């Protein structure tokens, strides 16, 4: 079974079992809505959880799970990751991608691999891709048409034309 990472439990919130989720999905309202089923990774085993409440809060998403409506029951889950079944995702329109399709792709600049897309975060205006580069600091690449020129999820590669100074560094 293939699992897709959708978020990480950052902390608890209040005393009634509410958890702060740092989303790793473009669709948090869908993934964390009441009745949604998520799977918590507990030492490699997946524990099925049903969402009973959801609300956005600052950069987090606050959820409670059925049967876990007390801080004492959820505190042990801080730092753990949440997943969904791969078959539970819907088809996206052309030229739109899930995070899991982009993370792990080789980042190519001028025909050379500069690193691997390691993470994606939202800024409001656009997503920013974190490129892990061997022996150098991470590069932050905005997902905008003028910078990201080509995406081939089957070949796990993205072609980038960086803005001057974007990937140049002193290390």
N, C-alpha and C. Protein backbone atom coordinates (compact mmCIF):
# COMPACT_ATOMS: atom_id res chain seq x y z
N UNK A 1 0.85 -1.18 0.00
CA UNK A 1 0.00 0.00 0.00
C UNK A 1 0.89 1.24 0.00
N UNK A 2 0.54 2.19 -0.84
CA UNK A 2 1.30 3.43 -0.91
C UNK A 2 0.64 4.49 -0.03
N UNK A 3 1.47 5.17 0.77
CA UNK A 3 0.99 6.21 1.68
C UNK A 3 1.50 7.56 1.22
N UNK A 4 0.67 8.59 1.38
CA UNK A 4 1.06 9.95 1.05
C UNK A 4 1.04 10.80 2.31
N UNK A 5 2.14 11.46 2.55
CA UNK A 5 2.32 12.33 3.72
C UNK A 5 1.49 13.59 3.54
N UNK A 6 0.66 13.93 4.54
CA UNK A 6 -0.18 15.12 4.44
C UNK A 6 0.04 16.12 5.57
N UNK A 7 0.80 15.75 6.59
CA UNK A 7 1.04 16.70 7.67
C UNK A 7 1.76 16.09 8.85
N UNK A 8 2.19 17.00 9.72
CA UNK A 8 2.92 16.60 10.92
C UNK A 8 2.26 17.26 12.12
N UNK A 9 2.14 16.51 13.20
CA UNK A 9 1.57 17.07 14.43
C UNK A 9 2.65 17.90 15.11
N UNK A 10 2.44 19.20 15.13
CA UNK A 10 3.44 20.12 15.67
C UNK A 10 3.33 20.24 17.19
N UNK A 11 2.07 20.20 17.70
CA UNK A 11 1.88 20.40 19.13
C UNK A 11 0.43 20.16 19.48
N UNK A 12 0.13 20.25 20.77
CA UNK A 12 -1.25 20.21 21.24
C UNK A 12 -1.75 21.66 21.31
N UNK A 13 -3.07 21.79 21.43
CA UNK A 13 -3.68 23.13 21.55
C UNK A 13 -4.85 23.00 22.51
N UNK A 14 -4.71 23.57 23.68
CA UNK A 14 -5.77 23.48 24.68
C UNK A 14 -5.78 22.13 25.38
N UNK A 15 -6.88 21.88 26.09
CA UNK A 15 -6.96 20.67 26.92
C UNK A 15 -7.90 19.60 26.37
N UNK A 16 -8.59 19.90 25.26
CA UNK A 16 -9.62 18.99 24.75
C UNK A 16 -9.16 18.13 23.58
N UNK A 17 -7.85 17.88 23.50
CA UNK A 17 -7.34 16.96 22.49
C UNK A 17 -7.08 17.57 21.13
N UNK A 18 -7.19 18.88 21.03
CA UNK A 18 -6.96 19.53 19.75
C UNK A 18 -5.45 19.52 19.43
N UNK A 19 -5.13 19.23 18.18
CA UNK A 19 -3.74 19.15 17.73
C UNK A 19 -3.45 20.17 16.66
N UNK A 20 -2.25 20.76 16.73
CA UNK A 20 -1.79 21.69 15.70
C UNK A 20 -1.09 20.87 14.63
N UNK A 21 -1.62 20.94 13.41
CA UNK A 21 -1.05 20.19 12.29
C UNK A 21 -0.34 21.17 11.36
N UNK A 22 0.88 20.85 11.00
CA UNK A 22 1.61 21.59 9.98
C UNK A 22 1.35 20.83 8.68
N UNK A 23 0.53 21.41 7.80
CA UNK A 23 0.07 20.71 6.60
C UNK A 23 1.17 20.55 5.57
N UNK A 24 1.13 19.42 4.88
CA UNK A 24 2.01 19.15 3.75
C UNK A 24 1.13 18.75 2.57
N UNK A 25 0.06 19.49 2.39
CA UNK A 25 -0.91 19.23 1.35
C UNK A 25 -1.45 20.54 0.82
N UNK A 26 -1.79 20.56 -0.46
CA UNK A 26 -2.43 21.74 -1.05
C UNK A 26 -3.90 21.80 -0.70
N UNK A 27 -4.44 20.75 -0.09
CA UNK A 27 -5.87 20.65 0.17
C UNK A 27 -6.17 20.40 1.64
N UNK A 28 -5.70 21.27 2.54
CA UNK A 28 -5.91 20.99 3.97
C UNK A 28 -7.38 20.96 4.35
N UNK A 29 -8.21 21.80 3.72
CA UNK A 29 -9.64 21.82 4.05
C UNK A 29 -10.29 20.48 3.73
N UNK A 30 -9.81 19.81 2.71
CA UNK A 30 -10.34 18.49 2.33
C UNK A 30 -9.73 17.39 3.20
N UNK A 31 -8.43 17.42 3.38
CA UNK A 31 -7.73 16.37 4.12
C UNK A 31 -8.11 16.32 5.59
N UNK A 32 -8.37 17.49 6.20
CA UNK A 32 -8.60 17.56 7.63
C UNK A 32 -10.05 17.83 8.00
N UNK A 33 -10.98 17.78 7.03
CA UNK A 33 -12.38 18.08 7.33
C UNK A 33 -12.99 17.02 8.23
N UNK A 34 -14.09 17.39 8.88
CA UNK A 34 -14.79 16.47 9.77
C UNK A 34 -15.16 15.21 8.99
N UNK A 35 -14.86 14.05 9.57
CA UNK A 35 -15.17 12.77 8.94
C UNK A 35 -14.02 12.20 8.11
N UNK A 36 -13.01 13.02 7.81
CA UNK A 36 -11.86 12.53 7.03
C UNK A 36 -11.11 11.48 7.84
N UNK A 37 -10.56 10.50 7.13
CA UNK A 37 -9.77 9.45 7.77
C UNK A 37 -8.30 9.70 7.44
N UNK A 38 -7.50 9.79 8.49
CA UNK A 38 -6.06 9.95 8.36
C UNK A 38 -5.39 8.79 9.07
N UNK A 39 -4.12 8.59 8.75
CA UNK A 39 -3.36 7.51 9.36
C UNK A 39 -2.13 8.08 10.02
N UNK A 40 -2.01 7.84 11.31
CA UNK A 40 -0.89 8.31 12.11
C UNK A 40 0.20 7.25 12.09
N UNK A 41 1.41 7.66 11.75
CA UNK A 41 2.54 6.73 11.72
C UNK A 41 3.13 6.63 13.12
N UNK A 42 2.89 5.50 13.78
CA UNK A 42 3.42 5.24 15.11
C UNK A 42 4.44 4.10 14.98
N UNK A 43 5.71 4.46 14.93
CA UNK A 43 6.80 3.48 14.81
C UNK A 43 6.61 2.54 13.61
N UNK A 44 6.19 3.11 12.47
CA UNK A 44 6.03 2.32 11.25
C UNK A 44 4.66 1.69 11.08
N UNK A 45 3.87 1.64 12.15
CA UNK A 45 2.50 1.14 12.05
C UNK A 45 1.56 2.31 11.82
N UNK A 46 0.54 2.11 11.01
CA UNK A 46 -0.43 3.18 10.72
C UNK A 46 -1.67 2.99 11.59
N UNK A 47 -1.95 4.02 12.38
CA UNK A 47 -3.13 4.01 13.26
C UNK A 47 -4.20 4.87 12.59
N UNK A 48 -5.36 4.29 12.31
CA UNK A 48 -6.46 5.00 11.64
C UNK A 48 -7.13 5.95 12.62
N UNK A 49 -7.33 7.19 12.17
CA UNK A 49 -7.98 8.22 12.99
C UNK A 49 -9.04 8.93 12.16
N UNK A 50 -10.17 9.24 12.79
CA UNK A 50 -11.23 9.99 12.12
C UNK A 50 -11.30 11.40 12.71
N UNK A 51 -11.28 12.40 11.83
CA UNK A 51 -11.33 13.80 12.25
C UNK A 51 -12.74 14.11 12.75
N UNK A 52 -12.83 14.73 13.95
CA UNK A 52 -14.13 15.16 14.47
C UNK A 52 -14.31 16.66 14.40
N UNK A 53 -13.21 17.43 14.48
CA UNK A 53 -13.31 18.88 14.29
C UNK A 53 -12.10 19.36 13.51
N UNK A 54 -12.31 20.45 12.77
CA UNK A 54 -11.23 21.06 11.99
C UNK A 54 -11.45 22.57 11.95
N UNK A 55 -10.34 23.31 12.07
CA UNK A 55 -10.36 24.75 11.85
C UNK A 55 -8.95 25.24 11.57
N UNK A 56 -8.82 26.16 10.62
CA UNK A 56 -7.50 26.75 10.37
C UNK A 56 -7.16 27.72 11.50
N UNK A 57 -5.88 27.81 11.83
CA UNK A 57 -5.43 28.71 12.90
C UNK A 57 -4.00 29.15 12.61
N UNK A 58 -3.84 30.42 12.20
CA UNK A 58 -2.53 30.96 11.82
C UNK A 58 -1.95 30.06 10.73
N UNK A 59 -0.70 29.61 10.86
CA UNK A 59 -0.11 28.76 9.82
C UNK A 59 -0.41 27.28 10.06
N UNK A 60 -1.21 26.97 11.07
CA UNK A 60 -1.53 25.59 11.42
C UNK A 60 -2.97 25.24 11.08
N UNK A 61 -3.27 23.97 11.24
CA UNK A 61 -4.62 23.45 11.08
C UNK A 61 -4.91 22.69 12.36
N UNK A 62 -5.98 23.08 13.06
CA UNK A 62 -6.31 22.45 14.34
C UNK A 62 -7.36 21.37 14.12
N UNK A 63 -7.08 20.18 14.61
CA UNK A 63 -8.00 19.06 14.47
C UNK A 63 -8.13 18.31 15.79
N UNK A 64 -9.26 17.64 15.95
CA UNK A 64 -9.42 16.65 17.00
C UNK A 64 -9.83 15.35 16.32
N UNK A 65 -9.51 14.24 16.97
CA UNK A 65 -9.82 12.93 16.43
C UNK A 65 -10.81 12.21 17.33
N UNK A 66 -11.66 11.40 16.71
CA UNK A 66 -12.69 10.63 17.41
C UNK A 66 -12.04 9.77 18.50
N UNK A 67 -12.55 9.90 19.72
CA UNK A 67 -12.05 9.10 20.84
C UNK A 67 -10.80 9.65 21.49
N UNK A 68 -10.29 10.78 20.98
CA UNK A 68 -9.06 11.36 21.54
C UNK A 68 -9.30 12.82 21.93
N UNK A 69 -10.37 13.08 22.69
CA UNK A 69 -10.76 14.44 23.02
C UNK A 69 -10.21 14.92 24.36
N UNK A 70 -8.95 14.55 24.65
CA UNK A 70 -8.32 14.97 25.90
C UNK A 70 -6.82 15.10 25.65
N UNK A 71 -6.23 16.16 26.18
CA UNK A 71 -4.80 16.40 25.96
C UNK A 71 -3.94 15.21 26.39
N UNK A 72 -4.35 14.51 27.45
CA UNK A 72 -3.56 13.37 27.94
C UNK A 72 -3.52 12.21 26.94
N UNK A 73 -4.52 12.14 26.07
CA UNK A 73 -4.57 11.06 25.08
C UNK A 73 -3.77 11.38 23.81
N UNK A 74 -3.51 12.67 23.55
CA UNK A 74 -2.86 13.04 22.29
C UNK A 74 -1.45 13.59 22.44
N UNK A 75 -1.06 13.93 23.64
CA UNK A 75 0.25 14.54 23.84
C UNK A 75 1.40 13.67 23.30
N UNK A 76 1.25 12.37 23.39
CA UNK A 76 2.28 11.44 22.93
C UNK A 76 2.45 11.46 21.41
N UNK A 77 1.52 12.08 20.67
CA UNK A 77 1.58 12.10 19.20
C UNK A 77 2.33 13.30 18.64
N UNK A 78 2.78 14.20 19.50
CA UNK A 78 3.54 15.37 19.02
C UNK A 78 4.75 14.91 18.20
N UNK A 79 4.94 15.51 17.04
CA UNK A 79 6.06 15.19 16.18
C UNK A 79 5.81 14.06 15.19
N UNK A 80 4.68 13.37 15.33
CA UNK A 80 4.39 12.25 14.42
C UNK A 80 3.74 12.76 13.14
N UNK A 81 3.82 11.93 12.10
CA UNK A 81 3.33 12.32 10.77
C UNK A 81 2.00 11.66 10.46
N UNK A 82 1.22 12.37 9.63
CA UNK A 82 -0.09 11.90 9.19
C UNK A 82 -0.06 11.58 7.70
N UNK A 83 -0.79 10.52 7.33
CA UNK A 83 -0.80 10.05 5.94
C UNK A 83 -2.22 9.76 5.48
N UNK A 84 -2.38 9.65 4.17
CA UNK A 84 -3.61 9.13 3.55
C UNK A 84 -3.19 8.04 2.57
N UNK A 85 -4.16 7.21 2.18
CA UNK A 85 -3.91 6.20 1.14
C UNK A 85 -3.72 6.93 -0.19
N UNK A 86 -2.78 6.46 -0.99
CA UNK A 86 -2.53 7.06 -2.30
C UNK A 86 -3.77 7.04 -3.18
N UNK A 87 -4.58 5.99 -3.07
CA UNK A 87 -5.78 5.92 -3.92
C UNK A 87 -6.88 6.89 -3.49
N UNK A 88 -6.70 7.56 -2.34
CA UNK A 88 -7.70 8.51 -1.86
C UNK A 88 -7.52 9.92 -2.44
N UNK A 89 -6.50 10.12 -3.28
CA UNK A 89 -6.31 11.44 -3.88
C UNK A 89 -7.03 11.50 -5.21
N UNK A 90 -7.49 12.69 -5.57
CA UNK A 90 -8.20 12.84 -6.84
C UNK A 90 -7.26 13.36 -7.93
N UNK A 91 -7.66 13.17 -9.15
CA UNK A 91 -6.87 13.61 -10.30
C UNK A 91 -6.83 15.13 -10.34
N UNK A 92 -5.66 15.69 -10.57
CA UNK A 92 -5.50 17.14 -10.66
C UNK A 92 -5.57 17.60 -12.11
N UNK A 93 -5.93 18.86 -12.32
CA UNK A 93 -5.91 19.40 -13.68
C UNK A 93 -4.49 19.40 -14.23
N UNK A 94 -4.37 19.51 -15.55
CA UNK A 94 -3.06 19.54 -16.20
C UNK A 94 -2.21 20.66 -15.63
N UNK A 95 -0.92 20.39 -15.46
CA UNK A 95 0.07 21.33 -14.94
C UNK A 95 -0.13 21.68 -13.46
N UNK A 96 -0.85 20.84 -12.73
CA UNK A 96 -0.92 20.96 -11.27
C UNK A 96 -0.40 19.66 -10.69
N UNK A 97 0.27 19.76 -9.52
CA UNK A 97 0.96 18.60 -8.97
C UNK A 97 0.75 18.51 -7.47
N UNK A 98 0.77 17.29 -6.99
CA UNK A 98 0.78 17.06 -5.54
C UNK A 98 2.20 17.24 -5.04
N UNK A 99 2.33 17.63 -3.78
CA UNK A 99 3.65 17.80 -3.17
C UNK A 99 4.50 16.54 -3.33
N UNK A 100 3.89 15.37 -3.10
CA UNK A 100 4.66 14.13 -3.16
C UNK A 100 5.21 13.86 -4.56
N UNK A 101 4.61 14.45 -5.57
CA UNK A 101 5.11 14.28 -6.94
C UNK A 101 6.35 15.14 -7.18
N UNK A 102 6.47 16.26 -6.48
CA UNK A 102 7.57 17.20 -6.68
C UNK A 102 8.74 16.88 -5.73
N UNK A 103 8.40 16.56 -4.47
CA UNK A 103 9.46 16.24 -3.50
C UNK A 103 10.20 14.99 -3.96
N UNK A 104 11.51 15.09 -3.99
CA UNK A 104 12.34 13.98 -4.46
C UNK A 104 12.82 14.15 -5.89
N UNK A 105 12.29 15.16 -6.59
CA UNK A 105 12.72 15.41 -7.97
C UNK A 105 14.11 16.04 -7.99
N UNK A 106 14.91 15.69 -9.01
CA UNK A 106 16.18 16.35 -9.24
C UNK A 106 15.90 17.76 -9.75
N UNK A 107 16.62 18.73 -9.25
CA UNK A 107 16.52 20.12 -9.73
C UNK A 107 17.66 20.35 -10.71
N UNK A 108 17.31 20.70 -11.94
CA UNK A 108 18.28 20.88 -13.01
C UNK A 108 18.39 22.36 -13.37
N UNK A 109 19.62 22.87 -13.41
CA UNK A 109 19.90 24.23 -13.86
C UNK A 109 20.99 24.14 -14.92
N UNK A 110 20.74 24.71 -16.08
CA UNK A 110 21.72 24.69 -17.18
C UNK A 110 22.24 23.28 -17.47
N UNK A 111 21.34 22.30 -17.43
CA UNK A 111 21.71 20.93 -17.76
C UNK A 111 22.38 20.14 -16.65
N UNK A 112 22.64 20.76 -15.50
CA UNK A 112 23.30 20.08 -14.39
C UNK A 112 22.39 19.98 -13.18
N UNK A 113 22.48 18.85 -12.49
CA UNK A 113 21.71 18.66 -11.27
C UNK A 113 22.35 19.48 -10.16
N UNK A 114 21.53 20.35 -9.54
CA UNK A 114 22.06 21.17 -8.42
C UNK A 114 21.64 20.60 -7.08
N UNK A 115 20.65 19.72 -7.07
CA UNK A 115 20.17 19.14 -5.81
C UNK A 115 18.84 18.46 -6.01
N UNK A 116 18.18 18.18 -4.89
CA UNK A 116 16.91 17.46 -4.86
C UNK A 116 15.87 18.31 -4.13
N UNK A 117 14.65 18.36 -4.67
CA UNK A 117 13.56 19.05 -3.98
C UNK A 117 13.26 18.26 -2.71
N UNK A 118 13.48 18.90 -1.56
CA UNK A 118 13.38 18.23 -0.27
C UNK A 118 12.11 18.57 0.49
N UNK A 119 11.55 19.75 0.23
CA UNK A 119 10.37 20.20 0.96
C UNK A 119 9.69 21.28 0.16
N UNK A 120 8.44 21.55 0.50
CA UNK A 120 7.67 22.62 -0.13
C UNK A 120 6.92 23.33 0.98
N UNK A 121 6.93 24.65 0.94
CA UNK A 121 6.09 25.37 1.90
C UNK A 121 5.36 26.50 1.21
N UNK A 122 4.21 26.86 1.78
CA UNK A 122 3.36 27.90 1.22
C UNK A 122 3.75 29.24 1.80
N UNK A 123 3.72 30.27 0.95
CA UNK A 123 4.01 31.62 1.43
C UNK A 123 2.79 32.53 1.32
N UNK A 124 1.76 32.06 0.68
CA UNK A 124 0.59 32.89 0.43
C UNK A 124 0.54 33.26 -1.04
N UNK A 125 1.62 33.85 -1.56
CA UNK A 125 1.67 34.24 -2.96
C UNK A 125 1.91 33.01 -3.85
N UNK A 126 2.84 32.18 -3.46
CA UNK A 126 3.18 30.98 -4.23
C UNK A 126 3.90 29.99 -3.31
N UNK A 127 4.01 28.75 -3.77
CA UNK A 127 4.79 27.76 -3.02
C UNK A 127 6.27 28.06 -3.21
N UNK A 128 7.07 27.64 -2.23
CA UNK A 128 8.52 27.74 -2.33
C UNK A 128 9.08 26.33 -2.17
N UNK A 129 9.95 25.95 -3.10
CA UNK A 129 10.58 24.64 -3.05
C UNK A 129 11.93 24.76 -2.37
N UNK A 130 12.21 23.84 -1.46
CA UNK A 130 13.51 23.78 -0.78
C UNK A 130 14.35 22.75 -1.51
N UNK A 131 15.47 23.21 -2.10
CA UNK A 131 16.37 22.33 -2.83
C UNK A 131 17.57 22.02 -1.94
N UNK A 132 17.73 20.74 -1.57
CA UNK A 132 18.91 20.28 -0.80
C UNK A 132 20.06 20.16 -1.79
N UNK A 133 21.16 20.86 -1.47
CA UNK A 133 22.33 20.85 -2.36
C UNK A 133 23.52 20.31 -1.60
N UNK A 134 24.19 19.30 -2.16
CA UNK A 134 25.35 18.73 -1.46
C UNK A 134 26.47 19.76 -1.27
N UNK A 135 26.92 19.90 -0.03
CA UNK A 135 28.03 20.80 0.26
C UNK A 135 27.68 22.27 0.24
N UNK A 136 26.41 22.61 0.06
CA UNK A 136 25.98 24.01 0.01
C UNK A 136 24.72 24.18 0.84
N UNK A 137 24.38 25.42 1.09
CA UNK A 137 23.13 25.67 1.80
C UNK A 137 21.94 25.37 0.89
N UNK A 138 20.79 25.15 1.50
CA UNK A 138 19.58 24.88 0.73
C UNK A 138 19.25 26.09 -0.14
N UNK A 139 18.72 25.82 -1.32
CA UNK A 139 18.24 26.90 -2.20
C UNK A 139 16.73 26.96 -2.09
N UNK A 140 16.20 28.16 -2.02
CA UNK A 140 14.75 28.37 -1.96
C UNK A 140 14.30 28.87 -3.33
N UNK A 141 13.45 28.08 -3.98
CA UNK A 141 13.03 28.36 -5.34
C UNK A 141 11.52 28.63 -5.35
N UNK A 142 11.10 29.82 -5.78
CA UNK A 142 9.66 30.08 -5.86
C UNK A 142 9.05 29.29 -7.02
N UNK A 143 7.90 28.70 -6.78
CA UNK A 143 7.21 27.98 -7.84
C UNK A 143 6.40 28.99 -8.65
N UNK A 144 7.13 29.64 -9.58
CA UNK A 144 6.51 30.60 -10.49
C UNK A 144 6.98 30.26 -11.91
N UNK A 145 6.15 30.61 -12.87
CA UNK A 145 6.39 30.25 -14.26
C UNK A 145 7.73 30.74 -14.80
N UNK A 146 8.17 31.91 -14.36
CA UNK A 146 9.42 32.46 -14.87
C UNK A 146 10.65 31.73 -14.32
N UNK A 147 10.50 30.93 -13.26
CA UNK A 147 11.63 30.23 -12.66
C UNK A 147 11.56 28.72 -12.94
N UNK A 148 10.41 28.11 -12.70
CA UNK A 148 10.26 26.67 -12.94
C UNK A 148 9.78 26.49 -14.37
N UNK A 149 10.67 25.99 -15.21
CA UNK A 149 10.40 25.92 -16.65
C UNK A 149 9.80 24.60 -17.09
N UNK A 150 10.14 23.51 -16.39
CA UNK A 150 9.67 22.20 -16.84
C UNK A 150 9.56 21.27 -15.63
N UNK A 151 8.49 20.48 -15.61
CA UNK A 151 8.29 19.49 -14.56
C UNK A 151 7.98 18.16 -15.23
N UNK A 152 8.78 17.14 -14.89
CA UNK A 152 8.54 15.79 -15.40
C UNK A 152 8.50 14.86 -14.19
N UNK A 153 7.27 14.63 -13.69
CA UNK A 153 7.13 13.83 -12.47
C UNK A 153 7.49 12.36 -12.72
N UNK A 154 7.31 11.87 -13.95
CA UNK A 154 7.66 10.48 -14.25
C UNK A 154 9.17 10.28 -14.18
N UNK A 155 9.92 11.24 -14.70
CA UNK A 155 11.39 11.17 -14.67
C UNK A 155 11.96 11.72 -13.36
N UNK A 156 11.08 12.26 -12.49
CA UNK A 156 11.48 12.86 -11.21
C UNK A 156 12.53 13.95 -11.41
N UNK A 157 12.22 14.92 -12.31
CA UNK A 157 13.14 16.03 -12.54
C UNK A 157 12.35 17.30 -12.83
N UNK A 158 12.94 18.41 -12.38
CA UNK A 158 12.39 19.74 -12.65
C UNK A 158 13.51 20.61 -13.21
N UNK A 159 13.20 21.40 -14.21
CA UNK A 159 14.17 22.30 -14.81
C UNK A 159 13.87 23.71 -14.33
N UNK A 160 14.91 24.35 -13.81
CA UNK A 160 14.78 25.67 -13.19
C UNK A 160 15.69 26.66 -13.90
N UNK A 161 15.15 27.85 -14.14
CA UNK A 161 15.95 28.97 -14.62
C UNK A 161 15.92 30.02 -13.50
N UNK A 162 16.93 29.99 -12.64
CA UNK A 162 16.89 30.88 -11.47
C UNK A 162 17.09 32.35 -11.83
N UNK A 163 16.50 33.18 -11.02
CA UNK A 163 16.73 34.62 -11.10
C UNK A 163 18.16 34.85 -10.63
N UNK A 164 18.92 35.78 -11.25
CA UNK A 164 20.31 36.03 -10.81
C UNK A 164 20.39 36.24 -9.29
N UNK A 165 21.33 35.51 -8.68
CA UNK A 165 21.53 35.59 -7.23
C UNK A 165 20.71 34.60 -6.43
N UNK A 166 19.75 33.92 -7.07
CA UNK A 166 18.86 33.01 -6.35
C UNK A 166 19.59 31.79 -5.80
N UNK A 167 20.51 31.21 -6.58
CA UNK A 167 21.20 30.01 -6.10
C UNK A 167 22.69 30.24 -5.89
N UNK A 168 23.17 31.43 -6.22
CA UNK A 168 24.58 31.74 -5.98
C UNK A 168 24.76 31.99 -4.49
N UNK A 169 25.78 31.36 -3.91
CA UNK A 169 26.08 31.65 -2.50
C UNK A 169 27.57 31.53 -2.26
N UNK A 170 27.95 31.90 -1.08
CA UNK A 170 29.36 32.02 -0.75
C UNK A 170 29.99 30.73 -0.25
N UNK A 171 29.18 29.65 -0.01
CA UNK A 171 29.80 28.48 0.61
C UNK A 171 30.65 27.66 -0.32
